[in-house]
Amino acid sequence: KSEAAAVLAEALGGEVVNADAYQVYRGLDIGTAKPGPDMRARVRHHLF
């Protein structure tokens, strides 16, 4: 889902809003498969 959302938002001038109950937390990165710095640099991400 994260890659599809980033591709879609990047192509259409959109921004991503998180709807994952654990990706909102700081420090829970690897275990939540949180979008990485490269992906979040491509498009703006909210609520991570």
ModelCIF file with pLDDT and N, C-alpha, C, O atoms, coordinates in Angstrom:
data_MODEL
#
_entry.id   MODEL 
#
_entity.id                         1 
_entity.type                       polymer 
_entity.pdbx_number_of_molecules   1 
#
_entity_poly.entity_id                      1 
_entity_poly.type                           'polypeptide(L)' 
_entity_poly.nstd_linkage                   no 
_entity_poly.nstd_monomer                   no 
_entity_poly.pdbx_seq_one_letter_code       KSEAAAVLAEALGGEVVNADAYQVYRGLDIGTAKPGPDMRARVRHHLF 
_entity_poly.pdbx_seq_one_letter_code_can   KSEAAAVLAEALGGEVVNADAYQVYRGLDIGTAKPGPDMRARVRHHLF 
_entity_poly.pdbx_strand_id                 A 
#
loop_
_entity_poly_seq.entity_id 
_entity_poly_seq.num 
_entity_poly_seq.mon_id 
_entity_poly_seq.hetero 
1 1  LYS n 
1 2  SER n 
1 3  GLU n 
1 4  ALA n 
1 5  ALA n 
1 6  ALA n 
1 7  VAL n 
1 8  LEU n 
1 9  ALA n 
1 10 GLU n 
1 11 ALA n 
1 12 LEU n 
1 13 GLY n 
1 14 GLY n 
1 15 GLU n 
1 16 VAL n 
1 17 VAL n 
1 18 ASN n 
1 19 ALA n 
1 20 ASP n 
1 21 ALA n 
1 22 TYR n 
1 23 GLN n 
1 24 VAL n 
1 25 TYR n 
1 26 ARG n 
1 27 GLY n 
1 28 LEU n 
1 29 ASP n 
1 30 ILE n 
1 31 GLY n 
1 32 THR n 
1 33 ALA n 
1 34 LYS n 
1 35 PRO n 
1 36 GLY n 
1 37 PRO n 
1 38 ASP n 
1 39 MET n 
1 40 ARG n 
1 41 ALA n 
1 42 ARG n 
1 43 VAL n 
1 44 ARG n 
1 45 HIS n 
1 46 HIS n 
1 47 LEU n 
1 48 PHE n 
#
_struct_asym.id          A 
_struct_asym.entity_id   1 
#
loop_
_ma_qa_metric.id 
_ma_qa_metric.mode 
_ma_qa_metric.name 
_ma_qa_metric.software_group_id 
_ma_qa_metric.type 
1 global pLDDT . pLDDT 
2 local  pLDDT . pLDDT 
#
_ma_qa_metric_global.metric_id      1 
_ma_qa_metric_global.metric_value   97.08 
_ma_qa_metric_global.model_id       1 
_ma_qa_metric_global.ordinal_id     1 
#
loop_
_ma_qa_metric_local.label_asym_id 
_ma_qa_metric_local.label_comp_id 
_ma_qa_metric_local.label_seq_id 
_ma_qa_metric_local.metric_id 
_ma_qa_metric_local.metric_value 
_ma_qa_metric_local.model_id 
_ma_qa_metric_local.ordinal_id 
A LYS 1  2 98.00 1 1  
A SER 2  2 98.00 1 2  
A GLU 3  2 97.00 1 3  
A ALA 4  2 98.00 1 4  
A ALA 5  2 98.00 1 5  
A ALA 6  2 98.00 1 6  
A VAL 7  2 97.00 1 7  
A LEU 8  2 97.00 1 8  
A ALA 9  2 98.00 1 9  
A GLU 10 2 98.00 1 10 
A ALA 11 2 98.00 1 11 
A LEU 12 2 97.00 1 12 
A GLY 13 2 96.00 1 13 
A GLY 14 2 98.00 1 14 
A GLU 15 2 98.00 1 15 
A VAL 16 2 98.00 1 16 
A VAL 17 2 98.00 1 17 
A ASN 18 2 98.00 1 18 
A ALA 19 2 98.00 1 19 
A ASP 20 2 97.00 1 20 
A ALA 21 2 96.00 1 21 
A TYR 22 2 97.00 1 22 
A GLN 23 2 98.00 1 23 
A VAL 24 2 98.00 1 24 
A TYR 25 2 98.00 1 25 
A ARG 26 2 97.00 1 26 
A GLY 27 2 97.00 1 27 
A LEU 28 2 98.00 1 28 
A ASP 29 2 98.00 1 29 
A ILE 30 2 98.00 1 30 
A GLY 31 2 98.00 1 31 
A THR 32 2 98.00 1 32 
A ALA 33 2 97.00 1 33 
A LYS 34 2 97.00 1 34 
A PRO 35 2 96.00 1 35 
A GLY 36 2 94.00 1 36 
A PRO 37 2 94.00 1 37 
A ASP 38 2 94.00 1 38 
A MET 39 2 95.00 1 39 
A ARG 40 2 95.00 1 40 
A ALA 41 2 94.00 1 41 
A ARG 42 2 93.00 1 42 
A VAL 43 2 97.00 1 43 
A ARG 44 2 98.00 1 44 
A HIS 45 2 98.00 1 45 
A HIS 46 2 98.00 1 46 
A LEU 47 2 98.00 1 47 
A PHE 48 2 98.00 1 48 
#
loop_
_atom_site.group_PDB 
_atom_site.id 
_atom_site.type_symbol 
_atom_site.label_atom_id 
_atom_site.label_alt_id 
_atom_site.label_comp_id 
_atom_site.label_asym_id 
_atom_site.label_entity_id 
_atom_site.label_seq_id 
_atom_site.pdbx_PDB_ins_code 
_atom_site.Cartn_x 
_atom_site.Cartn_y 
_atom_site.Cartn_z 
_atom_site.occupancy 
_atom_site.B_iso_or_equiv 
_atom_site.pdbx_formal_charge 
_atom_site.auth_seq_id 
_atom_site.auth_comp_id 
_atom_site.auth_asym_id 
_atom_site.auth_atom_id 
_atom_site.pdbx_PDB_model_num 
ATOM 1   N N  . LYS A 1 1  ? 0.818  -1.221 0.000   1.00 98.00 ? 1  LYS A N  1 
ATOM 2   C CA . LYS A 1 1  ? 0.000  0.000  0.000   1.00 98.00 ? 1  LYS A CA 1 
ATOM 3   C C  . LYS A 1 1  ? 0.848  1.266  0.000   1.00 98.00 ? 1  LYS A C  1 
ATOM 4   O O  . LYS A 1 1  ? 0.524  2.222  -0.704  1.00 98.00 ? 1  LYS A O  1 
ATOM 5   N N  . SER A 1 2  ? 1.925  1.288  0.776   1.00 98.00 ? 2  SER A N  1 
ATOM 6   C CA . SER A 1 2  ? 2.741  2.505  0.902   1.00 98.00 ? 2  SER A CA 1 
ATOM 7   C C  . SER A 1 2  ? 3.348  2.915  -0.432  1.00 98.00 ? 2  SER A C  1 
ATOM 8   O O  . SER A 1 2  ? 3.330  4.090  -0.798  1.00 98.00 ? 2  SER A O  1 
ATOM 9   N N  . GLU A 1 3  ? 3.893  1.926  -1.163  1.00 97.00 ? 3  GLU A N  1 
ATOM 10  C CA . GLU A 1 3  ? 4.498  2.230  -2.457  1.00 97.00 ? 3  GLU A CA 1 
ATOM 11  C C  . GLU A 1 3  ? 3.443  2.693  -3.447  1.00 97.00 ? 3  GLU A C  1 
ATOM 12  O O  . GLU A 1 3  ? 3.667  3.652  -4.187  1.00 97.00 ? 3  GLU A O  1 
ATOM 13  N N  . ALA A 1 4  ? 2.287  2.020  -3.471  1.00 98.00 ? 4  ALA A N  1 
ATOM 14  C CA . ALA A 1 4  ? 1.221  2.418  -4.389  1.00 98.00 ? 4  ALA A CA 1 
ATOM 15  C C  . ALA A 1 4  ? 0.745  3.830  -4.086  1.00 98.00 ? 4  ALA A C  1 
ATOM 16  O O  . ALA A 1 4  ? 0.513  4.613  -5.007  1.00 98.00 ? 4  ALA A O  1 
ATOM 17  N N  . ALA A 1 5  ? 0.597  4.167  -2.811  1.00 98.00 ? 5  ALA A N  1 
ATOM 18  C CA . ALA A 1 5  ? 0.149  5.503  -2.441  1.00 98.00 ? 5  ALA A CA 1 
ATOM 19  C C  . ALA A 1 5  ? 1.161  6.559  -2.852  1.00 98.00 ? 5  ALA A C  1 
ATOM 20  O O  . ALA A 1 5  ? 0.786  7.628  -3.334  1.00 98.00 ? 5  ALA A O  1 
ATOM 21  N N  . ALA A 1 6  ? 2.459  6.261  -2.661  1.00 98.00 ? 6  ALA A N  1 
ATOM 22  C CA . ALA A 1 6  ? 3.496  7.218  -3.029  1.00 98.00 ? 6  ALA A CA 1 
ATOM 23  C C  . ALA A 1 6  ? 3.550  7.428  -4.541  1.00 98.00 ? 6  ALA A C  1 
ATOM 24  O O  . ALA A 1 6  ? 3.690  8.558  -5.010  1.00 98.00 ? 6  ALA A O  1 
ATOM 25  N N  . VAL A 1 7  ? 3.438  6.340  -5.301  1.00 97.00 ? 7  VAL A N  1 
ATOM 26  C CA . VAL A 1 7  ? 3.442  6.445  -6.766  1.00 97.00 ? 7  VAL A CA 1 
ATOM 27  C C  . VAL A 1 7  ? 2.269  7.295  -7.231  1.00 97.00 ? 7  VAL A C  1 
ATOM 28  O O  . VAL A 1 7  ? 2.422  8.187  -8.066  1.00 97.00 ? 7  VAL A O  1 
ATOM 29  N N  . LEU A 1 8  ? 1.103  7.007  -6.680  1.00 97.00 ? 8  LEU A N  1 
ATOM 30  C CA . LEU A 1 8  ? -0.107 7.727  -7.072  1.00 97.00 ? 8  LEU A CA 1 
ATOM 31  C C  . LEU A 1 8  ? 0.003  9.212  -6.719  1.00 97.00 ? 8  LEU A C  1 
ATOM 32  O O  . LEU A 1 8  ? -0.275 10.078 -7.549  1.00 97.00 ? 8  LEU A O  1 
ATOM 33  N N  . ALA A 1 9  ? 0.412  9.496  -5.479  1.00 98.00 ? 9  ALA A N  1 
ATOM 34  C CA . ALA A 1 9  ? 0.507  10.883 -5.036  1.00 98.00 ? 9  ALA A CA 1 
ATOM 35  C C  . ALA A 1 9  ? 1.569  11.651 -5.827  1.00 98.00 ? 9  ALA A C  1 
ATOM 36  O O  . ALA A 1 9  ? 1.370  12.812 -6.182  1.00 98.00 ? 9  ALA A O  1 
ATOM 37  N N  . GLU A 1 10 ? 2.687  10.998 -6.097  1.00 98.00 ? 10 GLU A N  1 
ATOM 38  C CA . GLU A 1 10 ? 3.763  11.659 -6.840  1.00 98.00 ? 10 GLU A CA 1 
ATOM 39  C C  . GLU A 1 10 ? 3.315  12.019 -8.248  1.00 98.00 ? 10 GLU A C  1 
ATOM 40  O O  . GLU A 1 10 ? 3.613  13.109 -8.736  1.00 98.00 ? 10 GLU A O  1 
ATOM 41  N N  . ALA A 1 11 ? 2.605  11.115 -8.901  1.00 98.00 ? 11 ALA A N  1 
ATOM 42  C CA . ALA A 1 11 ? 2.187  11.340 -10.282 1.00 98.00 ? 11 ALA A CA 1 
ATOM 43  C C  . ALA A 1 11 ? 1.061  12.362 -10.389 1.00 98.00 ? 11 ALA A C  1 
ATOM 44  O O  . ALA A 1 11 ? 0.954  13.071 -11.390 1.00 98.00 ? 11 ALA A O  1 
ATOM 45  N N  . LEU A 1 12 ? 0.219  12.439 -9.356  1.00 97.00 ? 12 LEU A N  1 
ATOM 46  C CA . LEU A 1 12 ? -0.976 13.275 -9.437  1.00 97.00 ? 12 LEU A CA 1 
ATOM 47  C C  . LEU A 1 12 ? -0.899 14.529 -8.576  1.00 97.00 ? 12 LEU A C  1 
ATOM 48  O O  . LEU A 1 12 ? -1.893 15.237 -8.417  1.00 97.00 ? 12 LEU A O  1 
ATOM 49  N N  . GLY A 1 13 ? 0.267  14.802 -8.026  1.00 96.00 ? 13 GLY A N  1 
ATOM 50  C CA . GLY A 1 13 ? 0.413  16.008 -7.209  1.00 96.00 ? 13 GLY A CA 1 
ATOM 51  C C  . GLY A 1 13 ? -0.353 15.925 -5.911  1.00 96.00 ? 13 GLY A C  1 
ATOM 52  O O  . GLY A 1 13 ? -0.928 16.913 -5.455  1.00 96.00 ? 13 GLY A O  1 
ATOM 53  N N  . GLY A 1 14 ? -0.361 14.738 -5.310  1.00 98.00 ? 14 GLY A N  1 
ATOM 54  C CA . GLY A 1 14 ? -1.104 14.543 -4.069  1.00 98.00 ? 14 GLY A CA 1 
ATOM 55  C C  . GLY A 1 14 ? -0.203 14.413 -2.869  1.00 98.00 ? 14 GLY A C  1 
ATOM 56  O O  . GLY A 1 14 ? 1.020  14.497 -2.980  1.00 98.00 ? 14 GLY A O  1 
ATOM 57  N N  . GLU A 1 15 ? -0.822 14.203 -1.705  1.00 98.00 ? 15 GLU A N  1 
ATOM 58  C CA . GLU A 1 15 ? -0.096 14.007 -0.458  1.00 98.00 ? 15 GLU A CA 1 
ATOM 59  C C  . GLU A 1 15 ? -0.731 12.845 0.289   1.00 98.00 ? 15 GLU A C  1 
ATOM 60  O O  . GLU A 1 15 ? -1.937 12.621 0.194   1.00 98.00 ? 15 GLU A O  1 
ATOM 61  N N  . VAL A 1 16 ? 0.090  12.102 1.037   1.00 98.00 ? 16 VAL A N  1 
ATOM 62  C CA . VAL A 1 16 ? -0.349 10.878 1.694   1.00 98.00 ? 16 VAL A CA 1 
ATOM 63  C C  . VAL A 1 16 ? -0.717 11.155 3.152   1.00 98.00 ? 16 VAL A C  1 
ATOM 64  O O  . VAL A 1 16 ? -0.001 11.859 3.864   1.00 98.00 ? 16 VAL A O  1 
ATOM 65  N N  . VAL A 1 17 ? -1.849 10.587 3.582   1.00 98.00 ? 17 VAL A N  1 
ATOM 66  C CA . VAL A 1 17 ? -2.290 10.675 4.975   1.00 98.00 ? 17 VAL A CA 1 
ATOM 67  C C  . VAL A 1 17 ? -2.306 9.271  5.556   1.00 98.00 ? 17 VAL A C  1 
ATOM 68  O O  . VAL A 1 17 ? -2.925 8.370  4.988   1.00 98.00 ? 17 VAL A O  1 
ATOM 69  N N  . ASN A 1 18 ? -1.633 9.077  6.679   1.00 98.00 ? 18 ASN A N  1 
ATOM 70  C CA . ASN A 1 18 ? -1.493 7.766  7.289   1.00 98.00 ? 18 ASN A CA 1 
ATOM 71  C C  . ASN A 1 18 ? -2.791 7.281  7.932   1.00 98.00 ? 18 ASN A C  1 
ATOM 72  O O  . ASN A 1 18 ? -3.482 8.042  8.609   1.00 98.00 ? 18 ASN A O  1 
ATOM 73  N N  . ALA A 1 19 ? -3.119 5.990  7.710   1.00 98.00 ? 19 ALA A N  1 
ATOM 74  C CA . ALA A 1 19 ? -4.234 5.338  8.390   1.00 98.00 ? 19 ALA A CA 1 
ATOM 75  C C  . ALA A 1 19 ? -3.767 4.001  8.950   1.00 98.00 ? 19 ALA A C  1 
ATOM 76  O O  . ALA A 1 19 ? -4.458 2.990  8.829   1.00 98.00 ? 19 ALA A O  1 
ATOM 77  N N  . ASP A 1 20 ? -2.588 4.007  9.565   1.00 97.00 ? 20 ASP A N  1 
ATOM 78  C CA . ASP A 1 20 ? -2.037 2.821  10.219  1.00 97.00 ? 20 ASP A CA 1 
ATOM 79  C C  . ASP A 1 20 ? -1.856 3.154  11.700  1.00 97.00 ? 20 ASP A C  1 
ATOM 80  O O  . ASP A 1 20 ? -1.200 4.135  12.051  1.00 97.00 ? 20 ASP A O  1 
ATOM 81  N N  . ALA A 1 21 ? -2.443 2.331  12.555  1.00 96.00 ? 21 ALA A N  1 
ATOM 82  C CA . ALA A 1 21 ? -2.488 2.645  13.980  1.00 96.00 ? 21 ALA A CA 1 
ATOM 83  C C  . ALA A 1 21 ? -1.132 2.620  14.665  1.00 96.00 ? 21 ALA A C  1 
ATOM 84  O O  . ALA A 1 21 ? -0.988 3.174  15.756  1.00 96.00 ? 21 ALA A O  1 
ATOM 85  N N  . TYR A 1 22 ? -0.123 1.985  14.048  1.00 97.00 ? 22 TYR A N  1 
ATOM 86  C CA . TYR A 1 22 ? 1.193  1.908  14.684  1.00 97.00 ? 22 TYR A CA 1 
ATOM 87  C C  . TYR A 1 22 ? 2.229  2.811  14.024  1.00 97.00 ? 22 TYR A C  1 
ATOM 88  O O  . TYR A 1 22 ? 3.218  3.169  14.663  1.00 97.00 ? 22 TYR A O  1 
ATOM 89  N N  . GLN A 1 23 ? 2.030  3.183  12.781  1.00 98.00 ? 23 GLN A N  1 
ATOM 90  C CA . GLN A 1 23 ? 2.998  4.060  12.120  1.00 98.00 ? 23 GLN A CA 1 
ATOM 91  C C  . GLN A 1 23 ? 2.926  5.497  12.624  1.00 98.00 ? 23 GLN A C  1 
ATOM 92  O O  . GLN A 1 23 ? 3.757  6.326  12.253  1.00 98.00 ? 23 GLN A O  1 
ATOM 93  N N  . VAL A 1 24 ? 1.950  5.795  13.457  1.00 98.00 ? 24 VAL A N  1 
ATOM 94  C CA . VAL A 1 24 ? 1.876  7.133  14.062  1.00 98.00 ? 24 VAL A CA 1 
ATOM 95  C C  . VAL A 1 24 ? 2.954  7.315  15.121  1.00 98.00 ? 24 VAL A C  1 
ATOM 96  O O  . VAL A 1 24 ? 3.276  8.448  15.480  1.00 98.00 ? 24 VAL A O  1 
ATOM 97  N N  . TYR A 1 25 ? 3.527  6.205  15.635  1.00 98.00 ? 25 TYR A N  1 
ATOM 98  C CA . TYR A 1 25 ? 4.440  6.292  16.774  1.00 98.00 ? 25 TYR A CA 1 
ATOM 99  C C  . TYR A 1 25 ? 5.890  6.521  16.346  1.00 98.00 ? 25 TYR A C  1 
ATOM 100 O O  . TYR A 1 25 ? 6.385  5.901  15.406  1.00 98.00 ? 25 TYR A O  1 
ATOM 101 N N  . ARG A 1 26 ? 6.540  7.412  17.050  1.00 97.00 ? 26 ARG A N  1 
ATOM 102 C CA . ARG A 1 26 ? 7.969  7.639  16.835  1.00 97.00 ? 26 ARG A CA 1 
ATOM 103 C C  . ARG A 1 26 ? 8.752  6.421  17.317  1.00 97.00 ? 26 ARG A C  1 
ATOM 104 O O  . ARG A 1 26 ? 8.450  5.845  18.363  1.00 97.00 ? 26 ARG A O  1 
ATOM 105 N N  . GLY A 1 27 ? 9.750  6.046  16.547  1.00 97.00 ? 27 GLY A N  1 
ATOM 106 C CA . GLY A 1 27 ? 10.620 4.956  16.956  1.00 97.00 ? 27 GLY A CA 1 
ATOM 107 C C  . GLY A 1 27 ? 10.170 3.585  16.527  1.00 97.00 ? 27 GLY A C  1 
ATOM 108 O O  . GLY A 1 27 ? 10.965 2.645  16.553  1.00 97.00 ? 27 GLY A O  1 
ATOM 109 N N  . LEU A 1 28 ? 8.909  3.436  16.128  1.00 98.00 ? 28 LEU A N  1 
ATOM 110 C CA . LEU A 1 28 ? 8.423  2.158  15.618  1.00 98.00 ? 28 LEU A CA 1 
ATOM 111 C C  . LEU A 1 28 ? 8.530  2.211  14.098  1.00 98.00 ? 28 LEU A C  1 
ATOM 112 O O  . LEU A 1 28 ? 7.566  2.545  13.409  1.00 98.00 ? 28 LEU A O  1 
ATOM 113 N N  . ASP A 1 29 ? 9.692  1.884  13.592  1.00 98.00 ? 29 ASP A N  1 
ATOM 114 C CA . ASP A 1 29 ? 9.989  2.068  12.174  1.00 98.00 ? 29 ASP A CA 1 
ATOM 115 C C  . ASP A 1 29 ? 10.098 0.750  11.420  1.00 98.00 ? 29 ASP A C  1 
ATOM 116 O O  . ASP A 1 29 ? 9.302  0.470  10.524  1.00 98.00 ? 29 ASP A O  1 
ATOM 117 N N  . ILE A 1 30 ? 11.088 -0.055 11.790  1.00 98.00 ? 30 ILE A N  1 
ATOM 118 C CA . ILE A 1 30 ? 11.314 -1.311 11.079  1.00 98.00 ? 30 ILE A CA 1 
ATOM 119 C C  . ILE A 1 30 ? 10.115 -2.239 11.238  1.00 98.00 ? 30 ILE A C  1 
ATOM 120 O O  . ILE A 1 30 ? 9.627  -2.808 10.262  1.00 98.00 ? 30 ILE A O  1 
ATOM 121 N N  . GLY A 1 31 ? 9.649  -2.385 12.462  1.00 98.00 ? 31 GLY A N  1 
ATOM 122 C CA . GLY A 1 31 ? 8.583  -3.334 12.741  1.00 98.00 ? 31 GLY A CA 1 
ATOM 123 C C  . GLY A 1 31 ? 7.230  -2.961 12.183  1.00 98.00 ? 31 GLY A C  1 
ATOM 124 O O  . GLY A 1 31 ? 6.352  -3.817 12.080  1.00 98.00 ? 31 GLY A O  1 
ATOM 125 N N  . THR A 1 32 ? 7.035  -1.698 11.817  1.00 98.00 ? 32 THR A N  1 
ATOM 126 C CA . THR A 1 32 ? 5.762  -1.281 11.224  1.00 98.00 ? 32 THR A CA 1 
ATOM 127 C C  . THR A 1 32 ? 5.864  -1.106 9.719   1.00 98.00 ? 32 THR A C  1 
ATOM 128 O O  . THR A 1 32 ? 4.895  -0.714 9.069   1.00 98.00 ? 32 THR A O  1 
ATOM 129 N N  . ALA A 1 33 ? 7.039  -1.395 9.162   1.00 97.00 ? 33 ALA A N  1 
ATOM 130 C CA . ALA A 1 33 ? 7.274  -1.188 7.723   1.00 97.00 ? 33 ALA A CA 1 
ATOM 131 C C  . ALA A 1 33 ? 6.890  0.229  7.320   1.00 97.00 ? 33 ALA A C  1 
ATOM 132 O O  . ALA A 1 33 ? 6.251  0.454  6.292   1.00 97.00 ? 33 ALA A O  1 
ATOM 133 N N  . LYS A 1 34 ? 7.292  1.165  8.147   1.00 97.00 ? 34 LYS A N  1 
ATOM 134 C CA . LYS A 1 34 ? 6.980  2.581  7.906   1.00 97.00 ? 34 LYS A CA 1 
ATOM 135 C C  . LYS A 1 34 ? 7.676  3.062  6.632   1.00 97.00 ? 34 LYS A C  1 
ATOM 136 O O  . LYS A 1 34 ? 8.811  2.664  6.370   1.00 97.00 ? 34 LYS A O  1 
ATOM 137 N N  . PRO A 1 35 ? 7.018  3.913  5.834   1.00 96.00 ? 35 PRO A N  1 
ATOM 138 C CA . PRO A 1 35 ? 7.696  4.463  4.647   1.00 96.00 ? 35 PRO A CA 1 
ATOM 139 C C  . PRO A 1 35 ? 9.037  5.089  5.038   1.00 96.00 ? 35 PRO A C  1 
ATOM 140 O O  . PRO A 1 35 ? 9.119  5.850  6.002   1.00 96.00 ? 35 PRO A O  1 
ATOM 141 N N  . GLY A 1 36 ? 10.082 4.761  4.279   1.00 94.00 ? 36 GLY A N  1 
ATOM 142 C CA . GLY A 1 36 ? 11.414 5.247  4.596   1.00 94.00 ? 36 GLY A CA 1 
ATOM 143 C C  . GLY A 1 36 ? 11.662 6.660  4.124   1.00 94.00 ? 36 GLY A C  1 
ATOM 144 O O  . GLY A 1 36 ? 10.806 7.259  3.474   1.00 94.00 ? 36 GLY A O  1 
ATOM 145 N N  . PRO A 1 37 ? 12.832 7.204  4.445   1.00 94.00 ? 37 PRO A N  1 
ATOM 146 C CA . PRO A 1 37 ? 13.156 8.591  4.089   1.00 94.00 ? 37 PRO A CA 1 
ATOM 147 C C  . PRO A 1 37 ? 13.068 8.868  2.591   1.00 94.00 ? 37 PRO A C  1 
ATOM 148 O O  . PRO A 1 37 ? 12.616 9.940  2.190   1.00 94.00 ? 37 PRO A O  1 
ATOM 149 N N  . ASP A 1 38 ? 13.490 7.921  1.760   1.00 94.00 ? 38 ASP A N  1 
ATOM 150 C CA . ASP A 1 38 ? 13.444 8.140  0.317   1.00 94.00 ? 38 ASP A CA 1 
ATOM 151 C C  . ASP A 1 38 ? 12.012 8.304  -0.166  1.00 94.00 ? 38 ASP A C  1 
ATOM 152 O O  . ASP A 1 38 ? 11.711 9.209  -0.944  1.00 94.00 ? 38 ASP A O  1 
ATOM 153 N N  . MET A 1 39 ? 11.131 7.425  0.297   1.00 95.00 ? 39 MET A N  1 
ATOM 154 C CA . MET A 1 39 ? 9.733  7.501  -0.120  1.00 95.00 ? 39 MET A CA 1 
ATOM 155 C C  . MET A 1 39 ? 9.079  8.781  0.386   1.00 95.00 ? 39 MET A C  1 
ATOM 156 O O  . MET A 1 39 ? 8.302  9.417  -0.327  1.00 95.00 ? 39 MET A O  1 
ATOM 157 N N  . ARG A 1 40 ? 9.399  9.151  1.618   1.00 95.00 ? 40 ARG A N  1 
ATOM 158 C CA . ARG A 1 40 ? 8.773  10.342 2.196   1.00 95.00 ? 40 ARG A CA 1 
ATOM 159 C C  . ARG A 1 40 ? 9.355  11.625 1.626   1.00 95.00 ? 40 ARG A C  1 
ATOM 160 O O  . ARG A 1 40 ? 8.765  12.697 1.758   1.00 95.00 ? 40 ARG A O  1 
ATOM 161 N N  . ALA A 1 41 ? 10.522 11.507 0.988   1.00 94.00 ? 41 ALA A N  1 
ATOM 162 C CA . ALA A 1 41 ? 11.087 12.670 0.303   1.00 94.00 ? 41 ALA A CA 1 
ATOM 163 C C  . ALA A 1 41 ? 10.422 12.890 -1.053  1.00 94.00 ? 41 ALA A C  1 
ATOM 164 O O  . ALA A 1 41 ? 10.416 14.004 -1.575  1.00 94.00 ? 41 ALA A O  1 
ATOM 165 N N  . ARG A 1 42 ? 9.861  11.819 -1.619  1.00 93.00 ? 42 ARG A N  1 
ATOM 166 C CA . ARG A 1 42 ? 9.225  11.932 -2.942  1.00 93.00 ? 42 ARG A CA 1 
ATOM 167 C C  . ARG A 1 42 ? 7.924  12.733 -2.866  1.00 93.00 ? 42 ARG A C  1 
ATOM 168 O O  . ARG A 1 42 ? 7.643  13.571 -3.722  1.00 93.00 ? 42 ARG A O  1 
ATOM 169 N N  . VAL A 1 43 ? 7.139  12.458 -1.822  1.00 97.00 ? 43 VAL A N  1 
ATOM 170 C CA . VAL A 1 43 ? 5.872  13.166 -1.635  1.00 97.00 ? 43 VAL A CA 1 
ATOM 171 C C  . VAL A 1 43 ? 5.700  13.463 -0.146  1.00 97.00 ? 43 VAL A C  1 
ATOM 172 O O  . VAL A 1 43 ? 6.311  12.811 0.701   1.00 97.00 ? 43 VAL A O  1 
ATOM 173 N N  . ARG A 1 44 ? 4.872  14.442 0.157   1.00 98.00 ? 44 ARG A N  1 
ATOM 174 C CA . ARG A 1 44 ? 4.640  14.799 1.553   1.00 98.00 ? 44 ARG A CA 1 
ATOM 175 C C  . ARG A 1 44 ? 3.742  13.750 2.206   1.00 98.00 ? 44 ARG A C  1 
ATOM 176 O O  . ARG A 1 44 ? 2.726  13.347 1.639   1.00 98.00 ? 44 ARG A O  1 
ATOM 177 N N  . HIS A 1 45 ? 4.133  13.312 3.413   1.00 98.00 ? 45 HIS A N  1 
ATOM 178 C CA . HIS A 1 45 ? 3.374  12.343 4.193   1.00 98.00 ? 45 HIS A CA 1 
ATOM 179 C C  . HIS A 1 45 ? 2.901  12.997 5.495   1.00 98.00 ? 45 HIS A C  1 
ATOM 180 O O  . HIS A 1 45 ? 3.659  13.713 6.149   1.00 98.00 ? 45 HIS A O  1 
ATOM 181 N N  . HIS A 1 46 ? 1.649  12.746 5.860   1.00 98.00 ? 46 HIS A N  1 
ATOM 182 C CA . HIS A 1 46 ? 1.059  13.303 7.075   1.00 98.00 ? 46 HIS A CA 1 
ATOM 183 C C  . HIS A 1 46 ? 0.750  12.205 8.085   1.00 98.00 ? 46 HIS A C  1 
ATOM 184 O O  . HIS A 1 46 ? 0.439  11.075 7.709   1.00 98.00 ? 46 HIS A O  1 
ATOM 185 N N  . LEU A 1 47 ? 0.838  12.547 9.386   1.00 98.00 ? 47 LEU A N  1 
ATOM 186 C CA . LEU A 1 47 ? 0.454  11.690 10.512  1.00 98.00 ? 47 LEU A CA 1 
ATOM 187 C C  . LEU A 1 47 ? 1.357  10.480 10.696  1.00 98.00 ? 47 LEU A C  1 
ATOM 188 O O  . LEU A 1 47 ? 0.906  9.431  11.157  1.00 98.00 ? 47 LEU A O  1 
ATOM 189 N N  . PHE A 1 48 ? 2.612  10.618 10.345  1.00 98.00 ? 48 PHE A N  1 
ATOM 190 C CA . PHE A 1 48 ? 3.624  9.635  10.694  1.00 98.00 ? 48 PHE A CA 1 
ATOM 191 C C  . PHE A 1 48 ? 4.514  10.251 11.774  1.00 98.00 ? 48 PHE A C  1 
ATOM 192 O O  . PHE A 1 48 ? 5.455  9.608  12.239  1.00 98.00 ? 48 PHE A O  1 
#
